Amino acid sequence: MNNVVKITSVKRESHDTRTFRFTFDKDAKAGQFVMVWVPGIDEIPMSLSSVRGKKSITVKAIGDATNAINKLEKGNYIGIRGPYGNGFSVEKSKNILIVGGGVGVAALMPLVRMTGSDTIIGARNKAEIIMKSDIERYSENVWVSTDDGSYGFKGNAVDLMKKKMKEKEYDLIVACGPEIMLYYVHKACTDASVDCQLSLERFMKCGAGLCGSCVMDGMRICEDGPVFNSEEITELKELGRFKRSPSGKKVKL
């Protein structure tokens, strides 16, 4: 059942990305997601970018539902159900490197607030960097990569991650971003014998493990994830290679 919640604030993160804060009294963990209902449009999964006190989602306008959400203002209403899935488990780790690519940075914000860990923000260019000032409030070491070199390190987030892994010993890499980025994060961590936890994304209809639309190699991203550890990722042979269409058909990425 959807809980209808009132948007209490809207923050512009970039030219096409905004953060919507709302009152939602259910407990949530870093890495979990909610299903967001936009009346008359669609219901879509969104990672929580804040899990304590008032909750928030951070939305990049890329489709019908996300474009509709990004037109909402303070005082408007949306439907929320959840939270769903498994979050990050970092209690046993001492030195964590958090790696966010694109809007995936938002899903890692609760973990940044909780741990203050070293953080990499990856973006295509300077205009698409999000949440840098927020992350700098909690993390002493914050590095930015841009594909075109318009800000910070020239290259992608994985290239910068490899560089930082050579400069400092980390016992856990936590990442969220485009799937091809996560594929290479896992490969780099495997090569370096460093544990990782990755937050994956798939098309979801129910969010509760019933419809099967988000299945990858027999694992339901909504129920068994969206956060997976190194060993689980190794078993996901479709990662970085295939996804499923809204009809459930497997298609190449």
C-alpha atoms as a PDB file:
ATOM      1  CA  MET A   1       0.000   0.000   0.000  1.00  0.00           C
ATOM      2  CA  ASN A   2       1.267   3.445  -0.901  1.00  0.00           C
ATOM      3  CA  ASN A   3       1.753   6.073   1.754  1.00  0.00           C
ATOM      4  CA  VAL A   4       0.901   9.487   0.351  1.00  0.00           C
ATOM      5  CA  VAL A   5       3.575  11.892   1.544  1.00  0.00           C
ATOM      6  CA  LYS A   6       3.980  15.637   1.262  1.00  0.00           C
ATOM      7  CA  ILE A   7       7.147  17.075  -0.237  1.00  0.00           C
ATOM      8  CA  THR A   8       8.654  19.379   2.387  1.00  0.00           C
ATOM      9  CA  SER A   9      11.600  20.733   0.390  1.00  0.00           C
ATOM     10  CA  VAL A  10      13.171  20.578  -3.055  1.00  0.00           C
ATOM     11  CA  LYS A  11      16.882  21.098  -3.706  1.00  0.00           C
ATOM     12  CA  ARG A  12      18.430  21.555  -7.134  1.00  0.00           C
ATOM     13  CA  GLU A  13      21.529  19.354  -7.460  1.00  0.00           C
ATOM     14  CA  SER A  14      22.274  20.011 -11.142  1.00  0.00           C
ATOM     15  CA  HIS A  15      20.510  21.140 -14.315  1.00  0.00           C
ATOM     16  CA  ASP A  16      18.439  17.931 -14.452  1.00  0.00           C
ATOM     17  CA  THR A  17      18.639  16.465 -10.943  1.00  0.00           C
ATOM     18  CA  ARG A  18      16.782  17.472  -7.787  1.00  0.00           C
ATOM     19  CA  THR A  19      16.428  16.120  -4.259  1.00  0.00           C
ATOM     20  CA  PHE A  20      12.939  15.825  -2.754  1.00  0.00           C
ATOM     21  CA  ARG A  21      12.617  15.591   1.018  1.00  0.00           C
ATOM     22  CA  PHE A  22       9.470  14.278   2.700  1.00  0.00           C
ATOM     23  CA  THR A  23       8.203  12.941   6.022  1.00  0.00           C
ATOM     24  CA  PHE A  24       8.089   9.138   6.038  1.00  0.00           C
ATOM     25  CA  ASP A  25       8.162   7.515   9.461  1.00  0.00           C
ATOM     26  CA  LYS A  26       9.297   3.997   8.508  1.00  0.00           C
ATOM     27  CA  ASP A  27      12.819   2.890   9.442  1.00  0.00           C
ATOM     28  CA  ALA A  28      15.264   2.596   6.558  1.00  0.00           C
ATOM     29  CA  LYS A  29      18.890   1.566   6.078  1.00  0.00           C
ATOM     30  CA  ALA A  30      21.581   3.010   3.822  1.00  0.00           C
ATOM     31  CA  GLY A  31      21.273   1.280   0.456  1.00  0.00           C
ATOM     32  CA  GLN A  32      17.553   0.490   0.608  1.00  0.00           C
ATOM     33  CA  PHE A  33      15.029   1.835  -1.907  1.00  0.00           C
ATOM     34  CA  VAL A  34      11.373   2.809  -2.105  1.00  0.00           C
ATOM     35  CA  MET A  35       8.766   2.523  -4.843  1.00  0.00           C
ATOM     36  CA  VAL A  36       7.620   6.016  -5.842  1.00  0.00           C
ATOM     37  CA  TRP A  37       4.156   6.436  -7.303  1.00  0.00           C
ATOM     38  CA  VAL A  38       3.467   9.393  -9.572  1.00  0.00           C
ATOM     39  CA  PRO A  39      -0.340   9.521 -10.034  1.00  0.00           C
ATOM     40  CA  GLY A  40      -1.344   9.051 -13.661  1.00  0.00           C
ATOM     41  CA  ILE A  41       2.219   8.319 -14.789  1.00  0.00           C
ATOM     42  CA  ASP A  42       3.980   5.309 -13.259  1.00  0.00           C
ATOM     43  CA  GLU A  43       5.536   3.754 -10.171  1.00  0.00           C
ATOM     44  CA  ILE A  44       9.337   3.471 -10.147  1.00  0.00           C
ATOM     45  CA  PRO A  45      12.079   2.356  -7.732  1.00  0.00           C
ATOM     46  CA  MET A  46      14.241   5.099  -6.220  1.00  0.00           C
ATOM     47  CA  SER A  47      17.146   4.738  -3.799  1.00  0.00           C
ATOM     48  CA  LEU A  48      16.849   6.772  -0.624  1.00  0.00           C
ATOM     49  CA  SER A  49      19.384   9.598  -0.475  1.00  0.00           C
ATOM     50  CA  SER A  50      18.534  10.225   3.185  1.00  0.00           C
ATOM     51  CA  VAL A  51      17.362   7.595   5.676  1.00  0.00           C
ATOM     52  CA  ARG A  52      17.384   9.410   9.023  1.00  0.00           C
ATOM     53  CA  GLY A  53      14.673  11.793  10.119  1.00  0.00           C
ATOM     54  CA  LYS A  54      13.009  13.072   6.982  1.00  0.00           C
ATOM     55  CA  LYS A  55      13.673  10.815   4.015  1.00  0.00           C
ATOM     56  CA  SER A  56      14.639  11.943   0.534  1.00  0.00           C
ATOM     57  CA  ILE A  57      15.015  10.759  -3.035  1.00  0.00           C
ATOM     58  CA  THR A  58      17.286  12.335  -5.628  1.00  0.00           C
ATOM     59  CA  VAL A  59      15.870  12.230  -9.134  1.00  0.00           C
ATOM     60  CA  LYS A  60      17.542  12.717 -12.511  1.00  0.00           C
ATOM     61  CA  ALA A  61      15.045  13.550 -15.268  1.00  0.00           C
ATOM     62  CA  ILE A  62      15.519  10.803 -17.869  1.00  0.00           C
ATOM     63  CA  GLY A  63      12.042   9.341 -18.502  1.00  0.00           C
ATOM     64  CA  ASP A  64       8.308  10.020 -18.139  1.00  0.00           C
ATOM     65  CA  ALA A  65       8.117   9.332 -14.399  1.00  0.00           C
ATOM     66  CA  THR A  66      11.373  11.050 -13.446  1.00  0.00           C
ATOM     67  CA  ASN A  67      10.507  14.074 -15.586  1.00  0.00           C
ATOM     68  CA  ALA A  68       7.123  14.256 -13.862  1.00  0.00           C
ATOM     69  CA  ILE A  69       8.717  14.043 -10.417  1.00  0.00           C
ATOM     70  CA  ASN A  70      11.207  16.773 -11.280  1.00  0.00           C
ATOM     71  CA  LYS A  71       8.333  19.139 -12.039  1.00  0.00           C
ATOM     72  CA  LEU A  72       6.943  18.751  -8.516  1.00  0.00           C
ATOM     73  CA  GLU A  73       7.410  21.457  -5.904  1.00  0.00           C
ATOM     74  CA  LYS A  74       7.262  21.857  -2.149  1.00  0.00           C
ATOM     75  CA  GLY A  75       3.743  21.051  -0.956  1.00  0.00           C
ATOM     76  CA  ASN A  76       2.996  18.539  -3.710  1.00  0.00           C
ATOM     77  CA  TYR A  77       2.322  14.876  -2.931  1.00  0.00           C
ATOM     78  CA  ILE A  78       3.776  11.548  -4.079  1.00  0.00           C
ATOM     79  CA  GLY A  79       3.089   7.944  -3.122  1.00  0.00           C
ATOM     80  CA  ILE A  80       5.782   5.960  -1.312  1.00  0.00           C
ATOM     81  CA  ARG A  81       5.917   2.288  -0.362  1.00  0.00           C
ATOM     82  CA  GLY A  82       8.792   0.391   1.168  1.00  0.00           C
ATOM     83  CA  PRO A  83      11.575   0.544   2.077  1.00  0.00           C
ATOM     84  CA  TYR A  84      12.682  -2.591   0.265  1.00  0.00           C
ATOM     85  CA  GLY A  85      15.806  -4.657  -0.207  1.00  0.00           C
ATOM     86  CA  ASN A  86      19.069  -5.141   1.611  1.00  0.00           C
ATOM     87  CA  GLY A  87      21.293  -2.228   2.494  1.00  0.00           C
ATOM     88  CA  PHE A  88      25.031  -1.867   2.978  1.00  0.00           C
ATOM     89  CA  SER A  89      26.801  -3.824   5.708  1.00  0.00           C
ATOM     90  CA  VAL A  90      29.992  -2.009   6.685  1.00  0.00           C
ATOM     91  CA  GLU A  91      30.241  -2.502  10.439  1.00  0.00           C
ATOM     92  CA  LYS A  92      33.308  -4.762  10.208  1.00  0.00           C
ATOM     93  CA  SER A  93      35.231  -2.510   7.803  1.00  0.00           C
ATOM     94  CA  LYS A  94      37.750   0.076   8.949  1.00  0.00           C
ATOM     95  CA  ASN A  95      38.917   1.719   5.726  1.00  0.00           C
ATOM     96  CA  ILE A  96      36.137   2.190   3.194  1.00  0.00           C
ATOM     97  CA  LEU A  97      36.291   3.872  -0.194  1.00  0.00           C
ATOM     98  CA  ILE A  98      32.904   5.014  -1.502  1.00  0.00           C
ATOM     99  CA  VAL A  99      32.614   5.346  -5.289  1.00  0.00           C
ATOM    100  CA  GLY A 100      29.601   7.018  -6.891  1.00  0.00           C
ATOM    101  CA  GLY A 101      28.950   7.481 -10.584  1.00  0.00           C
ATOM    102  CA  GLY A 102      26.344   9.921 -11.899  1.00  0.00           C
ATOM    103  CA  VAL A 103      23.122   9.985  -9.903  1.00  0.00           C
ATOM    104  CA  GLY A 104      24.369   6.823  -8.140  1.00  0.00           C
ATOM    105  CA  VAL A 105      26.162   9.228  -5.807  1.00  0.00           C
ATOM    106  CA  ALA A 106      22.792   9.944  -4.175  1.00  0.00           C
ATOM    107  CA  ALA A 107      22.245   6.328  -3.105  1.00  0.00           C
ATOM    108  CA  LEU A 108      25.572   6.481  -1.246  1.00  0.00           C
ATOM    109  CA  MET A 109      24.850   9.687   0.677  1.00  0.00           C
ATOM    110  CA  PRO A 110      23.400   7.878   3.727  1.00  0.00           C
ATOM    111  CA  LEU A 111      26.583   5.822   3.955  1.00  0.00           C
ATOM    112  CA  VAL A 112      28.750   8.923   3.574  1.00  0.00           C
ATOM    113  CA  ARG A 113      26.863  10.567   6.456  1.00  0.00           C
ATOM    114  CA  MET A 114      27.170   7.456   8.599  1.00  0.00           C
ATOM    115  CA  THR A 115      30.873   6.697   8.037  1.00  0.00           C
ATOM    116  CA  GLY A 116      32.586   9.860   6.760  1.00  0.00           C
ATOM    117  CA  SER A 117      34.611   7.594   4.497  1.00  0.00           C
ATOM    118  CA  ASP A 118      36.842   8.629   1.597  1.00  0.00           C
ATOM    119  CA  THR A 119      34.605   9.292  -1.398  1.00  0.00           C
ATOM    120  CA  ILE A 120      34.924   9.501  -5.169  1.00  0.00           C
ATOM    121  CA  ILE A 121      32.321  11.363  -7.226  1.00  0.00           C
ATOM    122  CA  GLY A 122      32.264  10.456 -10.914  1.00  0.00           C
ATOM    123  CA  ALA A 123      30.502  12.522 -13.578  1.00  0.00           C
ATOM    124  CA  ARG A 124      30.603  13.031 -17.318  1.00  0.00           C
ATOM    125  CA  ASN A 125      31.447  16.707 -16.925  1.00  0.00           C
ATOM    126  CA  LYS A 126      31.534  19.535 -14.388  1.00  0.00           C
ATOM    127  CA  ALA A 127      27.855  20.416 -14.911  1.00  0.00           C
ATOM    128  CA  GLU A 128      26.762  16.926 -13.837  1.00  0.00           C
ATOM    129  CA  ILE A 129      28.659  16.739 -10.538  1.00  0.00           C
ATOM    130  CA  ILE A 130      26.166  16.369  -7.699  1.00  0.00           C
ATOM    131  CA  MET A 131      26.306  16.571  -3.899  1.00  0.00           C
ATOM    132  CA  LYS A 132      29.978  17.525  -3.654  1.00  0.00           C
ATOM    133  CA  SER A 133      29.454  20.187  -0.975  1.00  0.00           C
ATOM    134  CA  ASP A 134      27.187  17.863   1.033  1.00  0.00           C
ATOM    135  CA  ILE A 135      29.737  15.053   0.932  1.00  0.00           C
ATOM    136  CA  GLU A 136      32.521  17.425   1.985  1.00  0.00           C
ATOM    137  CA  ARG A 137      30.599  18.129   5.195  1.00  0.00           C
ATOM    138  CA  TYR A 138      31.147  14.523   6.274  1.00  0.00           C
ATOM    139  CA  SER A 139      34.213  13.238   4.425  1.00  0.00           C
ATOM    140  CA  GLU A 140      37.704  14.656   4.780  1.00  0.00           C
ATOM    141  CA  ASN A 141      38.872  13.132   1.510  1.00  0.00           C
ATOM    142  CA  VAL A 142      36.600  13.788  -1.484  1.00  0.00           C
ATOM    143  CA  TRP A 143      37.841  13.363  -5.037  1.00  0.00           C
ATOM    144  CA  VAL A 144      36.043  14.099  -8.307  1.00  0.00           C
ATOM    145  CA  SER A 145      36.544  12.564 -11.730  1.00  0.00           C
ATOM    146  CA  THR A 146      35.044  13.854 -14.968  1.00  0.00           C
ATOM    147  CA  ASP A 147      35.170  12.010 -18.261  1.00  0.00           C
ATOM    148  CA  ASP A 148      36.096  15.175 -20.167  1.00  0.00           C
ATOM    149  CA  GLY A 149      38.483  16.551 -17.554  1.00  0.00           C
ATOM    150  CA  SER A 150      36.412  19.705 -16.995  1.00  0.00           C
ATOM    151  CA  TYR A 151      36.812  19.264 -13.217  1.00  0.00           C
ATOM    152  CA  GLY A 152      39.171  17.225 -11.072  1.00  0.00           C
ATOM    153  CA  PHE A 153      40.695  13.994 -12.337  1.00  0.00           C
ATOM    154  CA  LYS A 154      40.365  13.446 -16.091  1.00  0.00           C
ATOM    155  CA  GLY A 155      38.950   9.980 -16.584  1.00  0.00           C
ATOM    156  CA  ASN A 156      36.229   7.799 -15.132  1.00  0.00           C
ATOM    157  CA  ALA A 157      35.519   6.941 -11.516  1.00  0.00           C
ATOM    158  CA  VAL A 158      37.065   3.471 -11.823  1.00  0.00           C
ATOM    159  CA  ASP A 159      40.358   4.907 -13.096  1.00  0.00           C
ATOM    160  CA  LEU A 160      40.451   7.269 -10.122  1.00  0.00           C
ATOM    161  CA  MET A 161      39.487   4.444  -7.766  1.00  0.00           C
ATOM    162  CA  LYS A 162      42.422   2.325  -8.977  1.00  0.00           C
ATOM    163  CA  LYS A 163      44.752   5.276  -8.400  1.00  0.00           C
ATOM    164  CA  LYS A 164      43.534   5.807  -4.839  1.00  0.00           C
ATOM    165  CA  MET A 165      43.717   2.076  -4.066  1.00  0.00           C
ATOM    166  CA  LYS A 166      47.439   2.216  -4.862  1.00  0.00           C
ATOM    167  CA  GLU A 167      47.921   5.200  -2.532  1.00  0.00           C
ATOM    168  CA  LYS A 168      45.994   3.819   0.459  1.00  0.00           C
ATOM    169  CA  GLU A 169      44.970   0.385   1.686  1.00  0.00           C
ATOM    170  CA  TYR A 170      41.204  -0.085   1.779  1.00  0.00           C
ATOM    171  CA  ASP A 171      39.423  -3.153   3.087  1.00  0.00           C
ATOM    172  CA  LEU A 172      36.099  -2.402   1.374  1.00  0.00           C
ATOM    173  CA  ILE A 173      34.961  -0.596  -1.769  1.00  0.00           C
ATOM    174  CA  VAL A 174      31.306   0.465  -1.895  1.00  0.00           C
ATOM    175  CA  ALA A 175      29.886   1.648  -5.212  1.00  0.00           C
ATOM    176  CA  CYS A 176      26.737   2.699  -7.037  1.00  0.00           C
ATOM    177  CA  GLY A 177      26.455   3.986 -10.569  1.00  0.00           C
ATOM    178  CA  PRO A 178      26.034   2.875 -14.180  1.00  0.00           C
ATOM    179  CA  GLU A 179      26.191  -0.889 -14.554  1.00  0.00           C
ATOM    180  CA  ILE A 180      29.245  -0.875 -16.800  1.00  0.00           C
ATOM    181  CA  MET A 181      31.064   1.136 -14.113  1.00  0.00           C
ATOM    182  CA  LEU A 182      30.088  -1.417 -11.475  1.00  0.00           C
ATOM    183  CA  TYR A 183      31.293  -4.270 -13.673  1.00  0.00           C
ATOM    184  CA  TYR A 184      34.767  -2.729 -13.780  1.00  0.00           C
ATOM    185  CA  VAL A 185      34.689  -1.806 -10.079  1.00  0.00           C
ATOM    186  CA  HIS A 186      34.155  -5.475  -9.269  1.00  0.00           C
ATOM    187  CA  LYS A 187      36.874  -6.560 -11.695  1.00  0.00           C
ATOM    188  CA  ALA A 188      39.375  -4.108 -10.182  1.00  0.00           C
ATOM    189  CA  CYS A 189      38.505  -5.219  -6.657  1.00  0.00           C
ATOM    190  CA  THR A 190      38.848  -8.882  -7.609  1.00  0.00           C
ATOM    191  CA  ASP A 191      42.241  -8.215  -9.182  1.00  0.00           C
ATOM    192  CA  ALA A 192      43.365  -6.380  -6.031  1.00  0.00           C
ATOM    193  CA  SER A 193      41.805  -8.914  -3.606  1.00  0.00           C
ATOM    194  CA  VAL A 194      39.662  -6.202  -1.978  1.00  0.00           C
ATOM    195  CA  ASP A 195      36.056  -6.799  -0.903  1.00  0.00           C
ATOM    196  CA  CYS A 196      33.322  -4.740  -2.507  1.00  0.00           C
ATOM    197  CA  GLN A 197      29.620  -4.089  -2.107  1.00  0.00           C
ATOM    198  CA  LEU A 198      27.711  -2.851  -5.143  1.00  0.00           C
ATOM    199  CA  SER A 199      24.231  -1.384  -5.383  1.00  0.00           C
ATOM    200  CA  LEU A 200      22.606  -2.654  -8.581  1.00  0.00           C
ATOM    201  CA  GLU A 201      19.645  -1.363 -10.543  1.00  0.00           C
ATOM    202  CA  ARG A 202      17.100  -3.204 -12.672  1.00  0.00           C
ATOM    203  CA  PHE A 203      13.618  -2.603 -14.040  1.00  0.00           C
ATOM    204  CA  MET A 204      11.163  -3.298 -11.207  1.00  0.00           C
ATOM    205  CA  LYS A 205       7.399  -3.584 -11.211  1.00  0.00           C
ATOM    206  CA  CYS A 206       6.587  -4.697  -7.663  1.00  0.00           C
ATOM    207  CA  GLY A 207       9.755  -4.038  -5.650  1.00  0.00           C
ATOM    208  CA  ALA A 208       8.888  -6.891  -3.294  1.00  0.00           C
ATOM    209  CA  GLY A 209      10.278  -9.975  -5.061  1.00  0.00           C
ATOM    210  CA  LEU A 210       7.014 -11.169  -6.634  1.00  0.00           C
ATOM    211  CA  CYS A 211       6.989 -10.192 -10.313  1.00  0.00           C
ATOM    212  CA  GLY A 212      10.435 -11.401 -11.376  1.00  0.00           C
ATOM    213  CA  SER A 213      11.061  -8.467 -13.699  1.00  0.00           C
ATOM    214  CA  CYS A 214      14.371  -7.635 -11.999  1.00  0.00           C
ATOM    215  CA  VAL A 215      15.829 -11.152 -11.978  1.00  0.00           C
ATOM    216  CA  MET A 216      19.516 -11.475 -12.860  1.00  0.00           C
ATOM    217  CA  ASP A 217      20.985 -14.991 -12.957  1.00  0.00           C
ATOM    218  CA  GLY A 218      18.252 -16.193 -10.635  1.00  0.00           C
ATOM    219  CA  MET A 219      18.754 -13.374  -8.117  1.00  0.00           C
ATOM    220  CA  ARG A 220      16.026 -10.797  -7.568  1.00  0.00           C
ATOM    221  CA  ILE A 221      17.617  -7.362  -7.416  1.00  0.00           C
ATOM    222  CA  CYS A 222      14.761  -5.981  -5.308  1.00  0.00           C
ATOM    223  CA  GLU A 223      14.648  -8.781  -2.726  1.00  0.00           C
ATOM    224  CA  ASP A 224      18.141 -10.314  -2.737  1.00  0.00           C
ATOM    225  CA  GLY A 225      19.773  -6.902  -3.353  1.00  0.00           C
ATOM    226  CA  PRO A 226      19.960  -4.184  -4.409  1.00  0.00           C
ATOM    227  CA  VAL A 227      23.274  -4.371  -2.502  1.00  0.00           C
ATOM    228  CA  PHE A 228      25.410  -7.425  -3.270  1.00  0.00           C
ATOM    229  CA  ASN A 229      28.813  -8.426  -1.910  1.00  0.00           C
ATOM    230  CA  SER A 230      31.878  -9.599  -3.838  1.00  0.00           C
ATOM    231  CA  GLU A 231      31.000 -13.278  -3.801  1.00  0.00           C
ATOM    232  CA  GLU A 232      27.433 -12.681  -4.938  1.00  0.00           C
ATOM    233  CA  ILE A 233      28.543 -10.356  -7.735  1.00  0.00           C
ATOM    234  CA  THR A 234      30.932 -13.021  -9.023  1.00  0.00           C
ATOM    235  CA  GLU A 235      27.934 -15.302  -9.622  1.00  0.00           C
ATOM    236  CA  LEU A 236      26.032 -12.671 -11.641  1.00  0.00           C
ATOM    237  CA  LYS A 237      27.172 -13.521 -15.173  1.00  0.00           C
ATOM    238  CA  GLU A 238      24.632 -11.116 -16.720  1.00  0.00           C
ATOM    239  CA  LEU A 239      26.153  -8.106 -14.945  1.00  0.00           C
ATOM    240  CA  GLY A 240      27.385  -5.592 -17.501  1.00  0.00           C
ATOM    241  CA  ARG A 241      26.132  -7.767 -20.354  1.00  0.00           C
ATOM    242  CA  PHE A 242      22.344  -8.141 -20.261  1.00  0.00           C
ATOM    243  CA  LYS A 243      19.248  -6.494 -18.823  1.00  0.00           C
ATOM    244  CA  ARG A 244      15.529  -7.186 -19.099  1.00  0.00           C
ATOM    245  CA  SER A 245      12.991  -5.101 -20.986  1.00  0.00           C
ATOM    246  CA  PRO A 246       9.653  -4.124 -19.357  1.00  0.00           C
ATOM    247  CA  SER A 247       8.181  -7.267 -20.951  1.00  0.00           C
ATOM    248  CA  GLY A 248      10.820  -9.431 -19.251  1.00  0.00           C
ATOM    249  CA  LYS A 249      12.836 -10.203 -22.376  1.00  0.00           C
ATOM    250  CA  LYS A 250      16.596 -10.439 -21.912  1.00  0.00           C
ATOM    251  CA  VAL A 251      18.401  -7.854 -24.051  1.00  0.00           C
ATOM    252  CA  LYS A 252      22.032  -6.863 -24.427  1.00  0.00           C
ATOM    253  CA  LEU A 253      23.222  -3.773 -22.608  1.00  0.00           C
END
